[in-house]
Amino acid sequence: MESRVKVVDKDFIVRKSEAIYQNIKTEMEANHKGKFLAIDPESGDYYLAKTSLEAILNGRKEHPNTVFYIIRIGFPYVYRRRW
């Protein structure tokens, strides 16, 4: 039985997703600050939600095998850990 494993190119995911976000950044930061965006770098589709999990689950409905790039709109990081 043949196993099909999708090879993930991390550099492609970051580069392509950041480029997609730059095209929508102004509108997103003006209207959706603090929400999460799951970006599919291959299709260019993106999914907006209140949580990162919700954004990913919304995206998986259309792209079940995609590795999504997550952005928290208006913040330099998705989550911050405090010690």
PDB file of N, CA and C in Angstrom:
ATOM      1  N   MET A   1       0.840  -1.168   0.000  1.00  0.00           N
ATOM      2  CA  MET A   1       0.000   0.000   0.000  1.00  0.00           C
ATOM      3  C   MET A   1       0.894   1.244   0.000  1.00  0.00           C
ATOM      4  N   GLU A   2       0.645   2.140  -0.908  1.00  0.00           N
ATOM      5  CA  GLU A   2       1.463   3.340  -1.066  1.00  0.00           C
ATOM      6  C   GLU A   2       0.981   4.447  -0.123  1.00  0.00           C
ATOM      7  N   SER A   3       1.921   5.045   0.577  1.00  0.00           N
ATOM      8  CA  SER A   3       1.603   6.145   1.476  1.00  0.00           C
ATOM      9  C   SER A   3       1.874   7.460   0.760  1.00  0.00           C
ATOM     10  N   ARG A   4       0.924   8.349   0.817  1.00  0.00           N
ATOM     11  CA  ARG A   4       1.090   9.660   0.181  1.00  0.00           C
ATOM     12  C   ARG A   4       1.284  10.715   1.268  1.00  0.00           C
ATOM     13  N   VAL A   5       2.504  11.165   1.387  1.00  0.00           N
ATOM     14  CA  VAL A   5       2.836  12.179   2.367  1.00  0.00           C
ATOM     15  C   VAL A   5       3.114  13.472   1.622  1.00  0.00           C
ATOM     16  N   LYS A   6       2.438  14.516   2.034  1.00  0.00           N
ATOM     17  CA  LYS A   6       2.641  15.813   1.408  1.00  0.00           C
ATOM     18  C   LYS A   6       3.917  16.442   1.962  1.00  0.00           C
ATOM     19  N   VAL A   7       4.819  16.820   1.084  1.00  0.00           N
ATOM     20  CA  VAL A   7       6.057  17.473   1.489  1.00  0.00           C
ATOM     21  C   VAL A   7       5.755  18.954   1.687  1.00  0.00           C
ATOM     22  N   VAL A   8       6.143  19.474   2.834  1.00  0.00           N
ATOM     23  CA  VAL A   8       5.860  20.857   3.179  1.00  0.00           C
ATOM     24  C   VAL A   8       7.134  21.680   3.044  1.00  0.00           C
ATOM     25  N   ASP A   9       7.085  22.702   2.210  1.00  0.00           N
ATOM     26  CA  ASP A   9       8.199  23.627   2.044  1.00  0.00           C
ATOM     27  C   ASP A   9       7.897  24.853   2.915  1.00  0.00           C
ATOM     28  N   LYS A  10       8.504  24.903   4.097  1.00  0.00           N
ATOM     29  CA  LYS A  10       8.211  25.970   5.052  1.00  0.00           C
ATOM     30  C   LYS A  10       8.496  27.355   4.482  1.00  0.00           C
ATOM     31  N   ASP A  11       9.582  27.477   3.748  1.00  0.00           N
ATOM     32  CA  ASP A  11       9.920  28.783   3.167  1.00  0.00           C
ATOM     33  C   ASP A  11       8.851  29.246   2.188  1.00  0.00           C
ATOM     34  N   PHE A  12       8.324  28.321   1.380  1.00  0.00           N
ATOM     35  CA  PHE A  12       7.258  28.661   0.443  1.00  0.00           C
ATOM     36  C   PHE A  12       6.015  29.120   1.197  1.00  0.00           C
ATOM     37  N   ILE A  13       5.656  28.384   2.246  1.00  0.00           N
ATOM     38  CA  ILE A  13       4.454  28.729   3.012  1.00  0.00           C
ATOM     39  C   ILE A  13       4.571  30.139   3.591  1.00  0.00           C
ATOM     40  N   VAL A  14       5.688  30.443   4.200  1.00  0.00           N
ATOM     41  CA  VAL A  14       5.886  31.763   4.810  1.00  0.00           C
ATOM     42  C   VAL A  14       5.909  32.850   3.745  1.00  0.00           C
ATOM     43  N   ARG A  15       6.722  32.676   2.716  1.00  0.00           N
ATOM     44  CA  ARG A  15       6.875  33.689   1.671  1.00  0.00           C
ATOM     45  C   ARG A  15       5.552  33.976   0.968  1.00  0.00           C
ATOM     46  N   LYS A  16       4.882  32.944   0.538  1.00  0.00           N
ATOM     47  CA  LYS A  16       3.633  33.104  -0.214  1.00  0.00           C
ATOM     48  C   LYS A  16       2.517  33.680   0.669  1.00  0.00           C
ATOM     49  N   SER A  17       2.402  33.177   1.897  1.00  0.00           N
ATOM     50  CA  SER A  17       1.355  33.648   2.804  1.00  0.00           C
ATOM     51  C   SER A  17       1.555  35.106   3.195  1.00  0.00           C
ATOM     52  N   GLU A  18       2.796  35.492   3.451  1.00  0.00           N
ATOM     53  CA  GLU A  18       3.076  36.893   3.780  1.00  0.00           C
ATOM     54  C   GLU A  18       2.741  37.805   2.597  1.00  0.00           C
ATOM     55  N   ALA A  19       3.007  37.353   1.391  1.00  0.00           N
ATOM     56  CA  ALA A  19       2.665  38.139   0.198  1.00  0.00           C
ATOM     57  C   ALA A  19       1.151  38.290   0.069  1.00  0.00           C
ATOM     58  N   ILE A  20       0.415  37.223   0.333  1.00  0.00           N
ATOM     59  CA  ILE A  20      -1.052  37.285   0.290  1.00  0.00           C
ATOM     60  C   ILE A  20      -1.553  38.270   1.339  1.00  0.00           C
ATOM     61  N   TYR A  21      -0.987  38.186   2.549  1.00  0.00           N
ATOM     62  CA  TYR A  21      -1.426  39.073   3.626  1.00  0.00           C
ATOM     63  C   TYR A  21      -1.138  40.538   3.299  1.00  0.00           C
ATOM     64  N   GLN A  22      -0.015  40.812   2.672  1.00  0.00           N
ATOM     65  CA  GLN A  22       0.310  42.198   2.335  1.00  0.00           C
ATOM     66  C   GLN A  22      -0.753  42.815   1.423  1.00  0.00           C
ATOM     67  N   ASN A  23      -1.378  42.010   0.581  1.00  0.00           N
ATOM     68  CA  ASN A  23      -2.422  42.513  -0.322  1.00  0.00           C
ATOM     69  C   ASN A  23      -3.721  42.859   0.396  1.00  0.00           C
ATOM     70  N   ILE A  24      -3.947  42.290   1.570  1.00  0.00           N
ATOM     71  CA  ILE A  24      -5.202  42.519   2.295  1.00  0.00           C
ATOM     72  C   ILE A  24      -4.979  43.166   3.665  1.00  0.00           C
ATOM     73  N   LYS A  25      -3.743  43.456   3.989  1.00  0.00           N
ATOM     74  CA  LYS A  25      -3.364  43.943   5.316  1.00  0.00           C
ATOM     75  C   LYS A  25      -4.110  45.205   5.743  1.00  0.00           C
ATOM     76  N   THR A  26      -4.190  46.192   4.888  1.00  0.00           N
ATOM     77  CA  THR A  26      -4.825  47.459   5.247  1.00  0.00           C
ATOM     78  C   THR A  26      -6.278  47.259   5.649  1.00  0.00           C
ATOM     79  N   GLU A  27      -7.014  46.518   4.850  1.00  0.00           N
ATOM     80  CA  GLU A  27      -8.427  46.267   5.138  1.00  0.00           C
ATOM     81  C   GLU A  27      -8.583  45.423   6.395  1.00  0.00           C
ATOM     82  N   MET A  28      -7.760  44.402   6.552  1.00  0.00           N
ATOM     83  CA  MET A  28      -7.849  43.513   7.707  1.00  0.00           C
ATOM     84  C   MET A  28      -7.532  44.259   9.005  1.00  0.00           C
ATOM     85  N   GLU A  29      -6.481  45.053   9.015  1.00  0.00           N
ATOM     86  CA  GLU A  29      -6.096  45.748  10.242  1.00  0.00           C
ATOM     87  C   GLU A  29      -7.074  46.857  10.591  1.00  0.00           C
ATOM     88  N   ALA A  30      -7.725  47.425   9.597  1.00  0.00           N
ATOM     89  CA  ALA A  30      -8.720  48.471   9.857  1.00  0.00           C
ATOM     90  C   ALA A  30     -10.009  47.898  10.429  1.00  0.00           C
ATOM     91  N   ASN A  31     -10.362  46.683  10.032  1.00  0.00           N
ATOM     92  CA  ASN A  31     -11.679  46.141  10.386  1.00  0.00           C
ATOM     93  C   ASN A  31     -11.688  44.890  11.264  1.00  0.00           C
ATOM     94  N   HIS A  32     -10.541  44.218  11.417  1.00  0.00           N
ATOM     95  CA  HIS A  32     -10.545  42.925  12.104  1.00  0.00           C
ATOM     96  C   HIS A  32      -9.386  42.738  13.072  1.00  0.00           C
ATOM     97  N   LYS A  33      -8.881  43.811  13.650  1.00  0.00           N
ATOM     98  CA  LYS A  33      -7.731  43.712  14.538  1.00  0.00           C
ATOM     99  C   LYS A  33      -8.018  42.747  15.692  1.00  0.00           C
ATOM    100  N   GLY A  34      -7.056  41.855  15.949  1.00  0.00           N
ATOM    101  CA  GLY A  34      -7.169  40.887  17.031  1.00  0.00           C
ATOM    102  C   GLY A  34      -7.736  39.544  16.605  1.00  0.00           C
ATOM    103  N   LYS A  35      -8.373  39.490  15.438  1.00  0.00           N
ATOM    104  CA  LYS A  35      -8.899  38.219  14.946  1.00  0.00           C
ATOM    105  C   LYS A  35      -7.769  37.431  14.288  1.00  0.00           C
ATOM    106  N   PHE A  36      -8.061  36.191  13.950  1.00  0.00           N
ATOM    107  CA  PHE A  36      -7.071  35.293  13.372  1.00  0.00           C
ATOM    108  C   PHE A  36      -7.387  35.020  11.909  1.00  0.00           C
ATOM    109  N   LEU A  37      -6.330  34.868  11.137  1.00  0.00           N
ATOM    110  CA  LEU A  37      -6.450  34.603   9.712  1.00  0.00           C
ATOM    111  C   LEU A  37      -5.645  33.349   9.396  1.00  0.00           C
ATOM    112  N   ALA A  38      -6.304  32.352   8.814  1.00  0.00           N
ATOM    113  CA  ALA A  38      -5.628  31.143   8.340  1.00  0.00           C
ATOM    114  C   ALA A  38      -5.498  31.292   6.827  1.00  0.00           C
ATOM    115  N   ILE A  39      -4.282  31.297   6.330  1.00  0.00           N
ATOM    116  CA  ILE A  39      -4.025  31.506   4.899  1.00  0.00           C
ATOM    117  C   ILE A  39      -3.560  30.206   4.271  1.00  0.00           C
ATOM    118  N   ASP A  40      -4.183  29.860   3.139  1.00  0.00           N
ATOM    119  CA  ASP A  40      -3.746  28.718   2.332  1.00  0.00           C
ATOM    120  C   ASP A  40      -2.815  29.281   1.265  1.00  0.00           C
ATOM    121  N   PRO A  41      -1.521  29.042   1.381  1.00  0.00           N
ATOM    122  CA  PRO A  41      -0.576  29.643   0.439  1.00  0.00           C
ATOM    123  C   PRO A  41      -0.716  29.129  -0.991  1.00  0.00           C
ATOM    124  N   GLU A  42      -1.248  27.938  -1.170  1.00  0.00           N
ATOM    125  CA  GLU A  42      -1.367  27.385  -2.515  1.00  0.00           C
ATOM    126  C   GLU A  42      -2.524  27.996  -3.298  1.00  0.00           C
ATOM    127  N   SER A  43      -3.665  28.161  -2.655  1.00  0.00           N
ATOM    128  CA  SER A  43      -4.842  28.683  -3.360  1.00  0.00           C
ATOM    129  C   SER A  43      -4.981  30.195  -3.214  1.00  0.00           C
ATOM    130  N   GLY A  44      -4.407  30.752  -2.147  1.00  0.00           N
ATOM    131  CA  GLY A  44      -4.582  32.169  -1.870  1.00  0.00           C
ATOM    132  C   GLY A  44      -5.827  32.447  -1.049  1.00  0.00           C
ATOM    133  N   ASP A  45      -6.585  31.402  -0.718  1.00  0.00           N
ATOM    134  CA  ASP A  45      -7.780  31.562   0.107  1.00  0.00           C
ATOM    135  C   ASP A  45      -7.372  31.839   1.548  1.00  0.00           C
ATOM    136  N   TYR A  46      -8.223  32.575   2.262  1.00  0.00           N
ATOM    137  CA  TYR A  46      -7.957  32.839   3.666  1.00  0.00           C
ATOM    138  C   TYR A  46      -9.271  32.823   4.435  1.00  0.00           C
ATOM    139  N   TYR A  47      -9.153  32.535   5.736  1.00  0.00           N
ATOM    140  CA  TYR A  47     -10.314  32.317   6.582  1.00  0.00           C
ATOM    141  C   TYR A  47     -10.149  33.115   7.864  1.00  0.00           C
ATOM    142  N   LEU A  48     -11.108  33.968   8.142  1.00  0.00           N
ATOM    143  CA  LEU A  48     -11.090  34.873   9.271  1.00  0.00           C
ATOM    144  C   LEU A  48     -11.960  34.309  10.391  1.00  0.00           C
ATOM    145  N   ALA A  49     -11.470  34.376  11.642  1.00  0.00           N
ATOM    146  CA  ALA A  49     -12.248  33.873  12.777  1.00  0.00           C
ATOM    147  C   ALA A  49     -11.766  34.511  14.078  1.00  0.00           C
ATOM    148  N   LYS A  50     -12.521  34.260  15.143  1.00  0.00           N
ATOM    149  CA  LYS A  50     -12.168  34.791  16.457  1.00  0.00           C
ATOM    150  C   LYS A  50     -11.011  34.046  17.102  1.00  0.00           C
ATOM    151  N   THR A  51     -10.809  32.767  16.714  1.00  0.00           N
ATOM    152  CA  THR A  51      -9.702  31.976  17.250  1.00  0.00           C
ATOM    153  C   THR A  51      -8.924  31.350  16.101  1.00  0.00           C
ATOM    154  N   SER A  52      -7.688  30.971  16.392  1.00  0.00           N
ATOM    155  CA  SER A  52      -6.875  30.333  15.350  1.00  0.00           C
ATOM    156  C   SER A  52      -7.459  28.977  14.972  1.00  0.00           C
ATOM    157  N   LEU A  53      -7.946  28.234  15.952  1.00  0.00           N
ATOM    158  CA  LEU A  53      -8.532  26.920  15.669  1.00  0.00           C
ATOM    159  C   LEU A  53      -9.759  27.050  14.774  1.00  0.00           C
ATOM    160  N   GLU A  54     -10.605  27.993  15.076  1.00  0.00           N
ATOM    161  CA  GLU A  54     -11.803  28.210  14.259  1.00  0.00           C
ATOM    162  C   GLU A  54     -11.427  28.581  12.823  1.00  0.00           C
ATOM    163  N   ALA A  55     -10.401  29.417  12.657  1.00  0.00           N
ATOM    164  CA  ALA A  55      -9.958  29.806  11.317  1.00  0.00           C
ATOM    165  C   ALA A  55      -9.451  28.588  10.538  1.00  0.00           C
ATOM    166  N   ILE A  56      -8.668  27.739  11.205  1.00  0.00           N
ATOM    167  CA  ILE A  56      -8.145  26.534  10.553  1.00  0.00           C
ATOM    168  C   ILE A  56      -9.282  25.578  10.197  1.00  0.00           C
ATOM    169  N   LEU A  57     -10.205  25.371  11.126  1.00  0.00           N
ATOM    170  CA  LEU A  57     -11.320  24.459  10.852  1.00  0.00           C
ATOM    171  C   LEU A  57     -12.186  24.955   9.701  1.00  0.00           C
ATOM    172  N   ASN A  58     -12.378  26.259   9.610  1.00  0.00           N
ATOM    173  CA  ASN A  58     -13.114  26.820   8.473  1.00  0.00           C
ATOM    174  C   ASN A  58     -12.382  26.539   7.166  1.00  0.00           C
ATOM    175  N   GLY A  59     -11.082  26.700   7.192  1.00  0.00           N
ATOM    176  CA  GLY A  59     -10.281  26.436   5.998  1.00  0.00           C
ATOM    177  C   GLY A  59     -10.262  24.969   5.607  1.00  0.00           C
ATOM    178  N   ARG A  60     -10.247  24.095   6.588  1.00  0.00           N
ATOM    179  CA  ARG A  60     -10.204  22.652   6.309  1.00  0.00           C
ATOM    180  C   ARG A  60     -11.460  22.151   5.593  1.00  0.00           C
ATOM    181  N   LYS A  61     -12.561  22.883   5.708  1.00  0.00           N
ATOM    182  CA  LYS A  61     -13.784  22.493   5.001  1.00  0.00           C
ATOM    183  C   LYS A  61     -13.562  22.488   3.498  1.00  0.00           C
ATOM    184  N   GLU A  62     -12.783  23.440   3.004  1.00  0.00           N
ATOM    185  CA  GLU A  62     -12.505  23.538   1.567  1.00  0.00           C
ATOM    186  C   GLU A  62     -11.154  22.942   1.181  1.00  0.00           C
ATOM    187  N   HIS A  63     -10.206  22.973   2.100  1.00  0.00           N
ATOM    188  CA  HIS A  63      -8.842  22.508   1.826  1.00  0.00           C
ATOM    189  C   HIS A  63      -8.396  21.576   2.947  1.00  0.00           C
ATOM    190  N   PRO A  64      -8.893  20.347   2.967  1.00  0.00           N
ATOM    191  CA  PRO A  64      -8.645  19.454   4.107  1.00  0.00           C
ATOM    192  C   PRO A  64      -7.193  19.045   4.324  1.00  0.00           C
ATOM    193  N   ASN A  65      -6.359  19.104   3.316  1.00  0.00           N
ATOM    194  CA  ASN A  65      -4.974  18.649   3.454  1.00  0.00           C
ATOM    195  C   ASN A  65      -3.955  19.777   3.442  1.00  0.00           C
ATOM    196  N   THR A  66      -4.413  20.985   3.647  1.00  0.00           N
ATOM    197  CA  THR A  66      -3.536  22.144   3.570  1.00  0.00           C
ATOM    198  C   THR A  66      -2.852  22.435   4.903  1.00  0.00           C
ATOM    199  N   VAL A  67      -1.619  22.911   4.814  1.00  0.00           N
ATOM    200  CA  VAL A  67      -0.923  23.449   5.973  1.00  0.00           C
ATOM    201  C   VAL A  67      -1.155  24.953   5.918  1.00  0.00           C
ATOM    202  N   PHE A  68      -1.906  25.465   6.889  1.00  0.00           N
ATOM    203  CA  PHE A  68      -2.257  26.883   6.897  1.00  0.00           C
ATOM    204  C   PHE A  68      -1.211  27.709   7.627  1.00  0.00           C
ATOM    205  N   TYR A  69      -1.095  28.944   7.204  1.00  0.00           N
ATOM    206  CA  TYR A  69      -0.240  29.935   7.859  1.00  0.00           C
ATOM    207  C   TYR A  69      -1.170  30.817   8.686  1.00  0.00           C
ATOM    208  N   ILE A  70      -0.890  30.970   9.971  1.00  0.00           N
ATOM    209  CA  ILE A  70      -1.773  31.703  10.869  1.00  0.00           C
ATOM    210  C   ILE A  70      -1.191  33.072  11.208  1.00  0.00           C
ATOM    211  N   ILE A  71      -2.039  34.071  11.144  1.00  0.00           N
ATOM    212  CA  ILE A  71      -1.662  35.435  11.509  1.00  0.00           C
ATOM    213  C   ILE A  71      -2.705  35.951  12.492  1.00  0.00           C
ATOM    214  N   ARG A  72      -2.257  36.644  13.534  1.00  0.00           N
ATOM    215  CA  ARG A  72      -3.178  37.387  14.381  1.00  0.00           C
ATOM    216  C   ARG A  72      -3.117  38.828  13.891  1.00  0.00           C
ATOM    217  N   ILE A  73      -4.210  39.306  13.399  1.00  0.00           N
ATOM    218  CA  ILE A  73      -4.262  40.595  12.713  1.00  0.00           C
ATOM    219  C   ILE A  73      -3.918  41.739  13.668  1.00  0.00           C
ATOM    220  N   GLY A  74      -2.936  42.533  13.249  1.00  0.00           N
ATOM    221  CA  GLY A  74      -2.518  43.698  14.017  1.00  0.00           C
ATOM    222  C   GLY A  74      -1.498  43.406  15.101  1.00  0.00           C
ATOM    223  N   PHE A  75      -1.019  42.169  15.180  1.00  0.00           N
ATOM    224  CA  PHE A  75      -0.048  41.776  16.197  1.00  0.00           C
ATOM    225  C   PHE A  75       1.171  41.141  15.524  1.00  0.00           C
ATOM    226  N   PRO A  76       2.355  41.280  16.140  1.00  0.00           N
ATOM    227  CA  PRO A  76       3.561  40.696  15.531  1.00  0.00           C
ATOM    228  C   PRO A  76       3.701  39.193  15.775  1.00  0.00           C
ATOM    229  N   TYR A  77       2.809  38.613  16.577  1.00  0.00           N
ATOM    230  CA  TYR A  77       2.882  37.188  16.891  1.00  0.00           C
ATOM    231  C   TYR A  77       1.452  36.662  17.072  1.00  0.00           C
ATOM    232  N   VAL A  78       1.303  35.367  16.951  1.00  0.00           N
ATOM    233  CA  VAL A  78      -0.020  34.764  17.117  1.00  0.00           C
ATOM    234  C   VAL A  78      -0.350  34.643  18.599  1.00  0.00           C
ATOM    235  N   TYR A  79       0.559  34.065  19.368  1.00  0.00           N
ATOM    236  CA  TYR A  79       0.378  33.921  20.813  1.00  0.00           C
ATOM    237  C   TYR A  79       1.643  34.386  21.507  1.00  0.00           C
ATOM    238  N   ARG A  80       1.501  34.876  22.712  1.00  0.00           N
ATOM    239  CA  ARG A  80       2.644  35.327  23.479  1.00  0.00           C
ATOM    240  C   ARG A  80       2.636  34.586  24.819  1.00  0.00           C
ATOM    241  N   ARG A  81       3.772  34.070  25.156  1.00  0.00           N
ATOM    242  CA  ARG A  81       3.904  33.332  26.413  1.00  0.00           C
ATOM    243  C   ARG A  81       4.553  34.236  27.439  1.00  0.00           C
ATOM    244  N   ARG A  82       3.915  34.354  28.577  1.00  0.00           N
ATOM    245  CA  ARG A  82       4.482  35.162  29.655  1.00  0.00           C
ATOM    246  C   ARG A  82       5.013  34.250  30.738  1.00  0.00           C
ATOM    247  N   TRP A  83       6.169  34.547  31.251  1.00  0.00           N
ATOM    248  CA  TRP A  83       6.799  33.717  32.289  1.00  0.00           C
ATOM    249  C   TRP A  83       6.584  34.325  33.620  1.00  0.00           C
TER     250      TRP A  83
END
